[in-house]
Amino acid sequence: MAFGKDVTGPIVEPKHAATVTLVARETRFVGELTGSRSVRIEGTVQGKIDLKAPLEIAEGAVLEAEVHATAVRVAGSVTGNITAGELVELLATAIVKGDIASPALHVVEGAKLEGKVQMQAGPPRPGMARTAPVTEPAKPR
């Protein structure tokens, strides 16, 4: 399906439609955003984001939200805590005012962060060696 009569590219079938949800520039979303597909934010979001997928906050985007996602890449501005199951990446233009909890954090020079960072390993992956439980050292005789 195309809008207008001038079709310059291939027609996209609905089953091949974008798998990324986009909040476009000059768009404001207020509320709770949940899902299991990737989301890219270029506009403004206020509320809560809870994804079982990656989240990208583009340069110029503004978030005032609590964020939970598998991975979060920030190039815009975030006011609120960010929790990621795998990785948080702060690009050079990122401004974050809130705490970050993630097993991995990548910060590019120039990024700004006002908050605490908590890095904890996630649950062991299948096939990974388990470590022995910590025991008290033997007492000298």
Protein backbone atom coordinates (compact mmCIF):
# COMPACT_ATOMS: atom_id res chain seq x y z
CA MET A 1 0.00 0.00 0.00
CA ALA A 2 1.39 3.43 -0.89
CA PHE A 3 0.18 6.96 -0.29
CA GLY A 4 -0.06 9.09 -3.41
CA LYS A 5 0.62 7.98 -6.97
CA ASP A 6 4.41 8.40 -7.05
CA VAL A 7 5.87 5.10 -5.85
CA THR A 8 9.67 5.29 -5.94
CA GLY A 9 10.50 2.19 -3.91
CA PRO A 10 9.18 -1.29 -3.39
CA ILE A 11 5.85 -1.73 -1.68
CA VAL A 12 6.28 -3.09 1.84
CA GLU A 13 4.06 -6.02 2.71
CA PRO A 14 2.45 -5.81 6.19
CA LYS A 15 4.29 -8.93 7.40
CA HIS A 16 7.58 -7.21 6.52
CA ALA A 17 6.69 -3.94 8.21
CA ALA A 18 9.27 -2.40 10.53
CA THR A 19 9.98 -4.37 13.67
CA VAL A 20 11.02 -1.20 15.47
CA THR A 21 8.42 1.02 17.10
CA LEU A 22 9.24 4.68 16.52
CA VAL A 23 8.21 7.71 18.56
CA ALA A 24 9.04 10.33 15.93
CA ARG A 25 10.50 13.81 16.35
CA GLU A 26 7.94 16.42 17.34
CA THR A 27 5.80 13.63 18.84
CA ARG A 28 4.92 13.50 22.54
CA PHE A 29 3.87 10.27 24.26
CA VAL A 30 2.55 10.25 27.83
CA GLY A 31 1.84 6.96 29.58
CA GLU A 32 3.19 3.43 29.82
CA LEU A 33 5.00 1.86 26.88
CA THR A 34 5.40 -1.92 27.03
CA GLY A 35 6.25 -4.61 24.53
CA SER A 36 8.66 -7.18 23.18
CA ARG A 37 9.89 -5.31 20.08
CA SER A 38 12.68 -2.74 19.76
CA VAL A 39 11.74 0.90 20.30
CA ARG A 40 13.48 4.03 19.00
CA ILE A 41 12.54 7.34 20.55
CA GLU A 42 13.22 10.57 18.67
CA GLY A 43 10.52 12.68 20.32
CA THR A 44 9.39 13.13 23.94
CA VAL A 45 8.18 10.40 26.30
CA GLN A 46 6.84 10.86 29.83
CA GLY A 47 5.84 7.93 32.03
CA LYS A 48 7.18 4.40 32.13
CA ILE A 49 8.91 2.16 29.60
CA ASP A 50 9.02 -1.60 30.18
CA LEU A 51 10.41 -3.59 27.24
CA LYS A 52 11.61 -7.12 26.71
CA ALA A 53 13.68 -5.71 23.85
CA PRO A 54 16.28 -3.00 23.16
CA LEU A 55 15.51 0.72 23.51
CA GLU A 56 17.26 3.52 21.64
CA ILE A 57 16.95 7.16 22.69
CA ALA A 58 18.10 9.25 19.74
CA GLU A 59 19.99 12.53 19.90
CA GLY A 60 17.49 15.30 20.64
CA ALA A 61 14.97 12.92 22.25
CA VAL A 62 13.71 13.69 25.77
CA LEU A 63 12.61 11.03 28.25
CA GLU A 64 11.11 11.65 31.66
CA ALA A 65 10.54 8.01 32.50
CA GLU A 66 11.52 4.93 34.45
CA VAL A 67 13.14 2.66 31.90
CA HIS A 68 13.39 -1.16 31.89
CA ALA A 69 14.71 -2.90 28.75
CA THR A 70 17.14 -5.60 27.68
CA ALA A 71 19.59 -3.00 26.34
CA VAL A 72 19.45 0.80 26.35
CA ARG A 73 21.40 3.12 24.03
CA VAL A 74 21.18 6.81 24.97
CA ALA A 75 22.13 9.71 22.71
CA GLY A 76 19.42 12.07 24.02
CA SER A 77 18.27 13.17 27.46
CA VAL A 78 16.85 10.87 30.16
CA THR A 79 15.49 11.95 33.53
CA GLY A 80 14.68 8.79 35.46
CA ASN A 81 16.27 5.49 36.40
CA ILE A 82 17.46 3.05 33.74
CA THR A 83 17.52 -0.71 34.29
CA ALA A 84 18.86 -3.00 31.57
CA GLY A 85 19.25 -6.76 31.56
CA GLU A 86 22.31 -6.73 29.30
CA LEU A 87 23.86 -3.32 28.54
CA VAL A 88 23.47 0.43 28.90
CA GLU A 89 25.37 2.55 26.39
CA LEU A 90 25.76 6.31 26.83
CA LEU A 91 26.87 8.03 23.63
CA ALA A 92 28.75 11.34 23.58
CA THR A 93 25.55 13.45 23.44
CA ALA A 94 23.78 11.56 26.26
CA ILE A 95 22.53 13.34 29.39
CA VAL A 96 21.21 11.04 32.11
CA LYS A 97 19.82 12.26 35.44
CA GLY A 98 19.04 9.07 37.33
CA ASP A 99 20.49 5.79 38.48
CA ILE A 100 21.65 3.02 36.14
CA ALA A 101 21.45 -0.71 36.93
CA SER A 102 22.94 -3.07 34.35
CA PRO A 103 25.52 -5.86 34.17
CA ALA A 104 27.48 -3.82 31.58
CA LEU A 105 27.94 -0.09 30.96
CA HIS A 106 29.66 1.60 28.04
CA VAL A 107 30.23 5.36 28.30
CA VAL A 108 31.58 7.40 25.39
CA GLU A 109 33.63 10.47 26.24
CA GLY A 110 31.36 13.50 26.49
CA ALA A 111 28.34 11.69 27.98
CA LYS A 112 26.95 13.19 31.18
CA LEU A 113 25.59 11.15 34.09
CA GLU A 114 24.14 12.40 37.38
CA GLY A 115 23.34 9.32 39.41
CA LYS A 116 24.59 6.03 40.77
CA VAL A 117 25.65 3.02 38.76
CA GLN A 118 25.02 -0.51 39.97
CA MET A 119 26.56 -3.33 37.96
CA GLN A 120 25.59 -6.87 38.87
CA ALA A 121 26.05 -10.02 36.90
CA GLY A 122 22.83 -11.57 35.72
CA PRO A 123 21.83 -15.18 36.26
CA PRO A 124 24.38 -17.73 35.03
CA ARG A 125 24.01 -18.65 31.37
CA PRO A 126 23.70 -22.32 30.37
CA GLY A 127 27.10 -23.91 29.94
CA MET A 128 28.91 -21.42 32.17
CA ALA A 129 30.97 -22.85 35.00
CA ARG A 130 29.53 -22.21 38.42
CA THR A 131 31.83 -21.04 41.16
CA ALA A 132 32.08 -22.84 44.46
CA PRO A 133 30.33 -21.19 47.38
CA VAL A 134 32.45 -18.85 49.46
CA THR A 135 33.50 -20.40 52.75
CA GLU A 136 35.28 -18.93 55.74
CA PRO A 137 39.05 -19.31 55.73
CA ALA A 138 40.50 -22.04 57.95
CA LYS A 139 41.48 -20.81 61.41
CA PRO A 140 45.18 -21.10 62.25
CA ARG A 141 46.01 -23.81 64.83
